PDB file of N, CA and C in Angstrom:
ATOM      1  N   MET A   1     175.227 186.629 117.082  1.00  0.00           N
ATOM      2  CA  MET A   1     176.091 187.638 117.657  1.00  0.00           C
ATOM      3  C   MET A   1     177.033 186.926 118.626  1.00  0.00           C
ATOM      4  N   ALA A   2     178.306 186.915 118.337  1.00  0.00           N
ATOM      5  CA  ALA A   2     179.284 186.229 119.179  1.00  0.00           C
ATOM      6  C   ALA A   2     179.808 187.179 120.256  1.00  0.00           C
ATOM      7  N   GLY A   3     180.322 186.615 121.324  1.00  0.00           N
ATOM      8  CA  GLY A   3     180.936 187.421 122.369  1.00  0.00           C
ATOM      9  C   GLY A   3     179.924 187.918 123.392  1.00  0.00           C
ATOM     10  N   LYS A   4     180.370 188.876 124.204  1.00  0.00           N
ATOM     11  CA  LYS A   4     179.539 189.405 125.273  1.00  0.00           C
ATOM     12  C   LYS A   4     178.450 190.311 124.711  1.00  0.00           C
ATOM     13  N   THR A   5     177.277 190.222 125.307  1.00  0.00           N
ATOM     14  CA  THR A   5     176.164 191.082 124.927  1.00  0.00           C
ATOM     15  C   THR A   5     175.460 191.576 126.178  1.00  0.00           C
ATOM     16  N   ALA A   6     174.667 192.611 125.999  1.00  0.00           N
ATOM     17  CA  ALA A   6     173.830 193.132 127.075  1.00  0.00           C
ATOM     18  C   ALA A   6     172.531 193.609 126.446  1.00  0.00           C
ATOM     19  N   THR A   7     171.505 193.725 127.258  1.00  0.00           N
ATOM     20  CA  THR A   7     170.227 194.237 126.790  1.00  0.00           C
ATOM     21  C   THR A   7     170.046 195.648 127.304  1.00  0.00           C
ATOM     22  N   ILE A   8     169.697 196.561 126.392  1.00  0.00           N
ATOM     23  CA  ILE A   8     169.406 197.942 126.765  1.00  0.00           C
ATOM     24  C   ILE A   8     167.977 198.240 126.318  1.00  0.00           C
ATOM     25  N   THR A   9     167.384 199.274 126.886  1.00  0.00           N
ATOM     26  CA  THR A   9     166.034 199.690 126.526  1.00  0.00           C
ATOM     27  C   THR A   9     166.086 201.119 126.025  1.00  0.00           C
ATOM     28  N   LEU A  10     165.523 201.346 124.833  1.00  0.00           N
ATOM     29  CA  LEU A  10     165.435 202.682 124.253  1.00  0.00           C
ATOM     30  C   LEU A  10     164.010 202.886 123.764  1.00  0.00           C
ATOM     31  N   ALA A  11     163.398 203.961 124.204  1.00  0.00           N
ATOM     32  CA  ALA A  11     162.011 204.263 123.837  1.00  0.00           C
ATOM     33  C   ALA A  11     161.103 203.072 124.136  1.00  0.00           C
ATOM     34  N   GLY A  12     161.388 202.375 125.236  1.00  0.00           N
ATOM     35  CA  GLY A  12     160.577 201.248 125.664  1.00  0.00           C
ATOM     36  C   GLY A  12     160.843 199.942 124.932  1.00  0.00           C
ATOM     37  N   GLU A  13     161.692 199.957 123.915  1.00  0.00           N
ATOM     38  CA  GLU A  13     162.012 198.756 123.130  1.00  0.00           C
ATOM     39  C   GLU A  13     163.331 198.173 123.623  1.00  0.00           C
ATOM     40  N   LYS A  14     163.387 196.858 123.768  1.00  0.00           N
ATOM     41  CA  LYS A  14     164.613 196.194 124.215  1.00  0.00           C
ATOM     42  C   LYS A  14     165.483 195.827 123.018  1.00  0.00           C
ATOM     43  N   TYR A  15     166.797 196.069 123.154  1.00  0.00           N
ATOM     44  CA  TYR A  15     167.771 195.740 122.115  1.00  0.00           C
ATOM     45  C   TYR A  15     168.928 194.994 122.752  1.00  0.00           C
ATOM     46  N   VAL A  16     169.438 193.983 122.059  1.00  0.00           N
ATOM     47  CA  VAL A  16     170.627 193.263 122.503  1.00  0.00           C
ATOM     48  C   VAL A  16     171.805 193.878 121.752  1.00  0.00           C
ATOM     49  N   VAL A  17     172.775 194.393 122.509  1.00  0.00           N
ATOM     50  CA  VAL A  17     173.951 195.004 121.893  1.00  0.00           C
ATOM     51  C   VAL A  17     175.198 194.235 122.309  1.00  0.00           C
ATOM     52  N   PRO A  18     176.121 194.052 121.387  1.00  0.00           N
ATOM     53  CA  PRO A  18     177.386 193.403 121.732  1.00  0.00           C
ATOM     54  C   PRO A  18     178.359 194.428 122.300  1.00  0.00           C
ATOM     55  N   ALA A  19     179.400 193.930 122.953  1.00  0.00           N
ATOM     56  CA  ALA A  19     180.477 194.810 123.396  1.00  0.00           C
ATOM     57  C   ALA A  19     181.056 195.495 122.162  1.00  0.00           C
ATOM     58  N   LEU A  20     181.557 196.714 122.341  1.00  0.00           N
ATOM     59  CA  LEU A  20     182.164 197.419 121.217  1.00  0.00           C
ATOM     60  C   LEU A  20     183.369 196.650 120.711  1.00  0.00           C
ATOM     61  N   ASN A  21     183.534 196.637 119.401  1.00  0.00           N
ATOM     62  CA  ASN A  21     184.738 196.025 118.842  1.00  0.00           C
ATOM     63  C   ASN A  21     185.850 197.076 118.788  1.00  0.00           C
ATOM     64  N   VAL A  22     187.030 196.697 118.394  1.00  0.00           N
ATOM     65  CA  VAL A  22     188.183 197.603 118.398  1.00  0.00           C
ATOM     66  C   VAL A  22     187.911 198.844 117.545  1.00  0.00           C
ATOM     67  N   GLY A  23     187.367 198.640 116.362  1.00  0.00           N
ATOM     68  CA  GLY A  23     187.087 199.776 115.489  1.00  0.00           C
ATOM     69  C   GLY A  23     186.102 200.746 116.112  1.00  0.00           C
ATOM     70  N   GLN A  24     185.087 200.226 116.783  1.00  0.00           N
ATOM     71  CA  GLN A  24     184.104 201.089 117.431  1.00  0.00           C
ATOM     72  C   GLN A  24     184.720 201.834 118.618  1.00  0.00           C
ATOM     73  N   ILE A  25     185.560 201.158 119.376  1.00  0.00           N
ATOM     74  CA  ILE A  25     186.222 201.830 120.505  1.00  0.00           C
ATOM     75  C   ILE A  25     187.120 202.950 119.983  1.00  0.00           C
ATOM     76  N   GLU A  26     187.840 202.700 118.902  1.00  0.00           N
ATOM     77  CA  GLU A  26     188.697 203.738 118.318  1.00  0.00           C
ATOM     78  C   GLU A  26     187.864 204.943 117.888  1.00  0.00           C
ATOM     79  N   ARG A  27     186.711 204.694 117.269  1.00  0.00           N
ATOM     80  CA  ARG A  27     185.844 205.803 116.848  1.00  0.00           C
ATOM     81  C   ARG A  27     185.335 206.591 118.039  1.00  0.00           C
ATOM     82  N   PHE A  28     184.981 205.886 119.123  1.00  0.00           N
ATOM     83  CA  PHE A  28     184.510 206.576 120.322  1.00  0.00           C
ATOM     84  C   PHE A  28     185.640 207.392 120.941  1.00  0.00           C
ATOM     85  N   MET A  29     186.845 206.826 120.958  1.00  0.00           N
ATOM     86  CA  MET A  29     187.991 207.557 121.502  1.00  0.00           C
ATOM     87  C   MET A  29     188.278 208.820 120.681  1.00  0.00           C
ATOM     88  N   ASP A  30     188.032 208.764 119.370  1.00  0.00           N
ATOM     89  CA  ASP A  30     188.184 209.958 118.535  1.00  0.00           C
ATOM     90  C   ASP A  30     187.227 211.054 118.986  1.00  0.00           C
ATOM     91  N   VAL A  31     186.000 210.670 119.350  1.00  0.00           N
ATOM     92  CA  VAL A  31     185.021 211.648 119.824  1.00  0.00           C
ATOM     93  C   VAL A  31     185.493 212.254 121.133  1.00  0.00           C
ATOM     94  N   ILE A  32     185.981 211.412 122.043  1.00  0.00           N
ATOM     95  CA  ILE A  32     186.433 211.899 123.351  1.00  0.00           C
ATOM     96  C   ILE A  32     187.631 212.824 123.204  1.00  0.00           C
ATOM     97  N   GLY A  33     188.566 212.436 122.346  1.00  0.00           N
ATOM     98  CA  GLY A  33     189.829 213.159 122.254  1.00  0.00           C
ATOM     99  C   GLY A  33     189.913 214.199 121.167  1.00  0.00           C
ATOM    100  N   ASN A  34     188.794 214.618 120.593  1.00  0.00           N
ATOM    101  CA  ASN A  34     188.884 215.554 119.481  1.00  0.00           C
ATOM    102  C   ASN A  34     189.128 216.988 119.902  1.00  0.00           C
ATOM    103  N   GLY A  35     189.202 217.263 121.199  1.00  0.00           N
ATOM    104  CA  GLY A  35     189.566 218.583 121.686  1.00  0.00           C
ATOM    105  C   GLY A  35     188.467 219.624 121.579  1.00  0.00           C
ATOM    106  N   THR A  36     187.242 219.222 121.272  1.00  0.00           N
ATOM    107  CA  THR A  36     186.169 220.196 121.138  1.00  0.00           C
ATOM    108  C   THR A  36     185.461 220.468 122.457  1.00  0.00           C
ATOM    109  N   GLY A  37     185.807 219.711 123.485  1.00  0.00           N
ATOM    110  CA  GLY A  37     185.126 219.883 124.771  1.00  0.00           C
ATOM    111  C   GLY A  37     183.663 219.472 124.679  1.00  0.00           C
ATOM    112  N   ALA A  38     183.405 218.395 123.970  1.00  0.00           N
ATOM    113  CA  ALA A  38     182.028 217.935 123.774  1.00  0.00           C
ATOM    114  C   ALA A  38     181.346 217.703 125.116  1.00  0.00           C
ATOM    115  N   ALA A  39     180.097 218.037 125.190  1.00  0.00           N
ATOM    116  CA  ALA A  39     179.321 217.874 126.415  1.00  0.00           C
ATOM    117  C   ALA A  39     179.151 216.397 126.724  1.00  0.00           C
ATOM    118  N   ARG A  40     178.935 216.106 127.993  1.00  0.00           N
ATOM    119  CA  ARG A  40     178.767 214.720 128.437  1.00  0.00           C
ATOM    120  C   ARG A  40     177.627 214.019 127.699  1.00  0.00           C
ATOM    121  N   GLY A  41     176.541 214.721 127.477  1.00  0.00           N
ATOM    122  CA  GLY A  41     175.409 214.141 126.758  1.00  0.00           C
ATOM    123  C   GLY A  41     175.766 213.775 125.327  1.00  0.00           C
ATOM    124  N   ARG A  42     176.588 214.588 124.698  1.00  0.00           N
ATOM    125  CA  ARG A  42     177.027 214.301 123.326  1.00  0.00           C
ATOM    126  C   ARG A  42     177.869 213.036 123.296  1.00  0.00           C
ATOM    127  N   LEU A  43     178.719 212.869 124.308  1.00  0.00           N
ATOM    128  CA  LEU A  43     179.529 211.651 124.392  1.00  0.00           C
ATOM    129  C   LEU A  43     178.647 210.429 124.586  1.00  0.00           C
ATOM    130  N   ALA A  44     177.635 210.552 125.438  1.00  0.00           N
ATOM    131  CA  ALA A  44     176.726 209.432 125.679  1.00  0.00           C
ATOM    132  C   ALA A  44     175.999 209.053 124.392  1.00  0.00           C
ATOM    133  N   MET A  45     175.565 210.042 123.631  1.00  0.00           N
ATOM    134  CA  MET A  45     174.861 209.756 122.378  1.00  0.00           C
ATOM    135  C   MET A  45     175.804 209.147 121.348  1.00  0.00           C
ATOM    136  N   ALA A  46     177.051 209.617 121.301  1.00  0.00           N
ATOM    137  CA  ALA A  46     178.023 209.038 120.363  1.00  0.00           C
ATOM    138  C   ALA A  46     178.276 207.578 120.707  1.00  0.00           C
ATOM    139  N   LEU A  47     178.452 207.281 121.986  1.00  0.00           N
ATOM    140  CA  LEU A  47     178.669 205.903 122.411  1.00  0.00           C
ATOM    141  C   LEU A  47     177.456 205.042 122.045  1.00  0.00           C
ATOM    142  N   LEU A  48     176.273 205.542 122.317  1.00  0.00           N
ATOM    143  CA  LEU A  48     175.058 204.794 122.030  1.00  0.00           C
ATOM    144  C   LEU A  48     174.900 204.557 120.525  1.00  0.00           C
ATOM    145  N   ARG A  49     175.118 205.580 119.726  1.00  0.00           N
ATOM    146  CA  ARG A  49     174.987 205.464 118.268  1.00  0.00           C
ATOM    147  C   ARG A  49     175.942 204.401 117.719  1.00  0.00           C
ATOM    148  N   ILE A  50     177.174 204.411 118.206  1.00  0.00           N
ATOM    149  CA  ILE A  50     178.168 203.435 117.751  1.00  0.00           C
ATOM    150  C   ILE A  50     177.779 202.031 118.212  1.00  0.00           C
ATOM    151  N   ALA A  51     177.343 201.909 119.463  1.00  0.00           N
ATOM    152  CA  ALA A  51     177.043 200.590 120.028  1.00  0.00           C
ATOM    153  C   ALA A  51     175.870 199.906 119.351  1.00  0.00           C
ATOM    154  N   VAL A  52     174.854 200.660 118.970  1.00  0.00           N
ATOM    155  CA  VAL A  52     173.656 200.017 118.434  1.00  0.00           C
ATOM    156  C   VAL A  52     173.781 199.647 116.953  1.00  0.00           C
ATOM    157  N   GLU A  53     174.927 199.903 116.355  1.00  0.00           N
ATOM    158  CA  GLU A  53     175.128 199.514 114.954  1.00  0.00           C
ATOM    159  C   GLU A  53     174.921 198.018 114.740  1.00  0.00           C
ATOM    160  N   ARG A  54     175.233 197.230 115.778  1.00  0.00           N
ATOM    161  CA  ARG A  54     175.098 195.777 115.659  1.00  0.00           C
ATOM    162  C   ARG A  54     174.019 195.239 116.594  1.00  0.00           C
ATOM    163  N   ALA A  55     173.110 196.095 117.027  1.00  0.00           N
ATOM    164  CA  ALA A  55     172.046 195.684 117.953  1.00  0.00           C
ATOM    165  C   ALA A  55     171.055 194.757 117.256  1.00  0.00           C
ATOM    166  N   GLU A  56     170.402 193.950 118.064  1.00  0.00           N
ATOM    167  CA  GLU A  56     169.319 193.094 117.578  1.00  0.00           C
ATOM    168  C   GLU A  56     168.102 193.349 118.450  1.00  0.00           C
ATOM    169  N   PRO A  57     166.950 193.693 117.926  1.00  0.00           N
ATOM    170  CA  PRO A  57     166.699 193.884 116.506  1.00  0.00           C
ATOM    171  C   PRO A  57     167.407 195.135 115.982  1.00  0.00           C
ATOM    172  N   LYS A  58     167.627 195.174 114.692  1.00  0.00           N
ATOM    173  CA  LYS A  58     168.320 196.280 114.050  1.00  0.00           C
ATOM    174  C   LYS A  58     167.502 197.560 114.188  1.00  0.00           C
ATOM    175  N   ILE A  59     168.177 198.647 114.497  1.00  0.00           N
ATOM    176  CA  ILE A  59     167.519 199.951 114.575  1.00  0.00           C
ATOM    177  C   ILE A  59     167.667 200.603 113.205  1.00  0.00           C
ATOM    178  N   GLU A  60     166.564 200.723 112.495  1.00  0.00           N
ATOM    179  CA  GLU A  60     166.596 201.244 111.124  1.00  0.00           C
ATOM    180  C   GLU A  60     166.754 202.760 111.082  1.00  0.00           C
ATOM    181  N   ALA A  61     166.152 203.464 112.028  1.00  0.00           N
ATOM    182  CA  ALA A  61     166.181 204.935 112.011  1.00  0.00           C
ATOM    183  C   ALA A  61     166.523 205.434 113.412  1.00  0.00           C
ATOM    184  N   PHE A  62     167.802 205.348 113.762  1.00  0.00           N
ATOM    185  CA  PHE A  62     168.245 205.729 115.102  1.00  0.00           C
ATOM    186  C   PHE A  62     167.819 207.156 115.447  1.00  0.00           C
ATOM    187  N   ASP A  63     167.921 208.067 114.494  1.00  0.00           N
ATOM    188  CA  ASP A  63     167.587 209.464 114.767  1.00  0.00           C
ATOM    189  C   ASP A  63     166.105 209.675 115.057  1.00  0.00           C
ATOM    190  N   ASP A  64     165.273 208.687 114.739  1.00  0.00           N
ATOM    191  CA  ASP A  64     163.831 208.829 114.934  1.00  0.00           C
ATOM    192  C   ASP A  64     163.315 208.216 116.231  1.00  0.00           C
ATOM    193  N   ILE A  65     164.151 207.436 116.945  1.00  0.00           N
ATOM    194  CA  ILE A  65     163.663 206.865 118.202  1.00  0.00           C
ATOM    195  C   ILE A  65     163.637 207.957 119.263  1.00  0.00           C
ATOM    196  N   GLU A  66     162.843 207.775 120.299  1.00  0.00           N
ATOM    197  CA  GLU A  66     162.660 208.797 121.326  1.00  0.00           C
ATOM    198  C   GLU A  66     162.953 208.237 122.717  1.00  0.00           C
ATOM    199  N   PRO A  67     164.234 207.918 122.991  1.00  0.00           N
ATOM    200  CA  PRO A  67     164.563 207.397 124.314  1.00  0.00           C
ATOM    201  C   PRO A  67     164.508 208.498 125.365  1.00  0.00           C
ATOM    202  N   SER A  68     164.232 208.090 126.590  1.00  0.00           N
ATOM    203  CA  SER A  68     164.248 209.049 127.703  1.00  0.00           C
ATOM    204  C   SER A  68     165.689 209.256 128.148  1.00  0.00           C
ATOM    205  N   LEU A  69     165.938 210.329 128.866  1.00  0.00           N
ATOM    206  CA  LEU A  69     167.276 210.587 129.385  1.00  0.00           C
ATOM    207  C   LEU A  69     167.747 209.466 130.305  1.00  0.00           C
ATOM    208  N   PRO A  70     166.890 208.940 131.208  1.00  0.00           N
ATOM    209  CA  PRO A  70     167.336 207.807 132.030  1.00  0.00           C
ATOM    210  C   PRO A  70     167.702 206.573 131.198  1.00  0.00           C
ATOM    211  N   GLU A  71     166.977 206.322 130.093  1.00  0.00           N
ATOM    212  CA  GLU A  71     167.317 205.196 129.219  1.00  0.00           C
ATOM    213  C   GLU A  71     168.690 205.404 128.578  1.00  0.00           C
ATOM    214  N   ILE A  72     168.951 206.621 128.127  1.00  0.00           N
ATOM    215  CA  ILE A  72     170.247 206.933 127.508  1.00  0.00           C
ATOM    216  C   ILE A  72     171.372 206.744 128.511  1.00  0.00           C
ATOM    217  N   GLN A  73     171.175 207.262 129.719  1.00  0.00           N
ATOM    218  CA  GLN A  73     172.196 207.130 130.759  1.00  0.00           C
ATOM    219  C   GLN A  73     172.430 205.668 131.130  1.00  0.00           C
ATOM    220  N   ALA A  74     171.356 204.919 131.331  1.00  0.00           N
ATOM    221  CA  ALA A  74     171.491 203.509 131.708  1.00  0.00           C
ATOM    222  C   ALA A  74     172.160 202.711 130.591  1.00  0.00           C
ATOM    223  N   ALA A  75     171.773 202.961 129.349  1.00  0.00           N
ATOM    224  CA  ALA A  75     172.373 202.249 128.215  1.00  0.00           C
ATOM    225  C   ALA A  75     173.859 202.565 128.114  1.00  0.00           C
ATOM    226  N   GLY A  76     174.220 203.818 128.302  1.00  0.00           N
ATOM    227  CA  GLY A  76     175.635 204.213 128.248  1.00  0.00           C
ATOM    228  C   GLY A  76     176.458 203.496 129.306  1.00  0.00           C
ATOM    229  N   GLU A  77     175.900 203.382 130.509  1.00  0.00           N
ATOM    230  CA  GLU A  77     176.607 202.692 131.586  1.00  0.00           C
ATOM    231  C   GLU A  77     176.773 201.209 131.273  1.00  0.00           C
ATOM    232  N   VAL A  78     175.713 200.583 130.773  1.00  0.00           N
ATOM    233  CA  VAL A  78     175.762 199.147 130.434  1.00  0.00           C
ATOM    234  C   VAL A  78     176.800 198.899 129.343  1.00  0.00           C
ATOM    235  N   ILE A  79     176.772 199.708 128.290  1.00  0.00           N
ATOM    236  CA  ILE A  79     177.692 199.533 127.161  1.00  0.00           C
ATOM    237  C   ILE A  79     179.131 199.794 127.591  1.00  0.00           C
ATOM    238  N   SER A  80     179.342 200.824 128.401  1.00  0.00           N
ATOM    239  CA  SER A  80     180.695 201.139 128.883  1.00  0.00           C
ATOM    240  C   SER A  80     181.272 199.998 129.701  1.00  0.00           C
ATOM    241  N   GLU A  81     180.469 199.447 130.602  1.00  0.00           N
ATOM    242  CA  GLU A  81     180.922 198.333 131.436  1.00  0.00           C
ATOM    243  C   GLU A  81     181.150 197.085 130.589  1.00  0.00           C
ATOM    244  N   LEU A  82     180.204 196.782 129.702  1.00  0.00           N
ATOM    245  CA  LEU A  82     180.296 195.602 128.844  1.00  0.00           C
ATOM    246  C   LEU A  82     181.554 195.635 127.991  1.00  0.00           C
ATOM    247  N   SER A  83     181.929 196.814 127.526  1.00  0.00           N
ATOM    248  CA  SER A  83     183.059 196.965 126.609  1.00  0.00           C
ATOM    249  C   SER A  83     184.377 197.238 127.321  1.00  0.00           C
ATOM    250  N   GLY A  84     184.361 197.269 128.648  1.00  0.00           N
ATOM    251  CA  GLY A  84     185.588 197.487 129.401  1.00  0.00           C
ATOM    252  C   GLY A  84     186.015 198.938 129.470  1.00  0.00           C
ATOM    253  N   LEU A  85     185.114 199.865 129.170  1.00  0.00           N
ATOM    254  CA  LEU A  85     185.444 201.289 129.238  1.00  0.00           C
ATOM    255  C   LEU A  85     185.223 201.850 130.630  1.00  0.00           C
ATOM    256  N   GLN A  86     184.576 201.072 131.487  1.00  0.00           N
ATOM    257  CA  GLN A  86     184.336 201.478 132.871  1.00  0.00           C
ATOM    258  C   GLN A  86     184.336 200.219 133.721  1.00  0.00           C
ATOM    259  N   LYS A  87     184.808 200.357 134.950  1.00  0.00           N
ATOM    260  CA  LYS A  87     184.852 199.210 135.853  1.00  0.00           C
ATOM    261  C   LYS A  87     183.440 198.849 136.293  1.00  0.00           C
ATOM    262  N   PRO A  88     183.144 197.548 136.407  1.00  0.00           N
ATOM    263  CA  PRO A  88     181.830 197.141 136.892  1.00  0.00           C
ATOM    264  C   PRO A  88     181.669 197.507 138.371  1.00  0.00           C
ATOM    265  N   ASP A  89     180.426 197.655 138.794  1.00  0.00           N
ATOM    266  CA  ASP A  89     180.143 197.908 140.200  1.00  0.00           C
ATOM    267  C   ASP A  89     180.679 196.758 141.035  1.00  0.00           C
ATOM    268  N   ALA A  90     181.182 197.070 142.240  1.00  0.00           N
ATOM    269  CA  ALA A  90     181.698 196.025 143.122  1.00  0.00           C
ATOM    270  C   ALA A  90     180.582 195.060 143.520  1.00  0.00           C
ATOM    271  N   ASN A  91     179.392 195.581 143.724  1.00  0.00           N
ATOM    272  CA  ASN A  91     178.247 194.762 144.103  1.00  0.00           C
ATOM    273  C   ASN A  91     177.094 195.069 143.162  1.00  0.00           C
ATOM    274  N   PRO A  92     177.069 194.436 141.982  1.00  0.00           N
ATOM    275  CA  PRO A  92     175.995 194.732 141.047  1.00  0.00           C
ATOM    276  C   PRO A  92     174.632 194.367 141.625  1.00  0.00           C
ATOM    277  N   PRO A  93     173.614 195.181 141.290  1.00  0.00           N
ATOM    278  CA  PRO A  93     172.281 194.876 141.807  1.00  0.00           C
ATOM    279  C   PRO A  93     171.760 193.578 141.211  1.00  0.00           C
ATOM    280  N   PRO A  94     170.905 192.875 141.970  1.00  0.00           N
ATOM    281  CA  PRO A  94     170.333 191.627 141.433  1.00  0.00           C
ATOM    282  C   PRO A  94     169.424 191.948 140.262  1.00  0.00           C
ATOM    283  N   GLU A  95     169.339 191.027 139.315  1.00  0.00           N
ATOM    284  CA  GLU A  95     168.480 191.251 138.138  1.00  0.00           C
ATOM    285  C   GLU A  95     167.110 190.707 138.366  1.00  0.00           C
TER     286      GLU A  95
END
């Protein structure tokens, strides 16, 4: 996997995801701008679904995993920052 990556946790399993590529960002922007007034949670799930397409290890059945709401929120923030969709924190917490 070339380029920037980050590790997210879903249902207790760790996955390495790359920054979104141009095609993935365009697809996410379609979700945001489709005028349906999609709920914030729906946007987070759309971003997560698109981002994990190239995750390692591969997620075979995304609809069957059972992530917690905090995992979904944290993963969305990591992916957004990694892909340049949100500014990084001025003082990121130590790892």
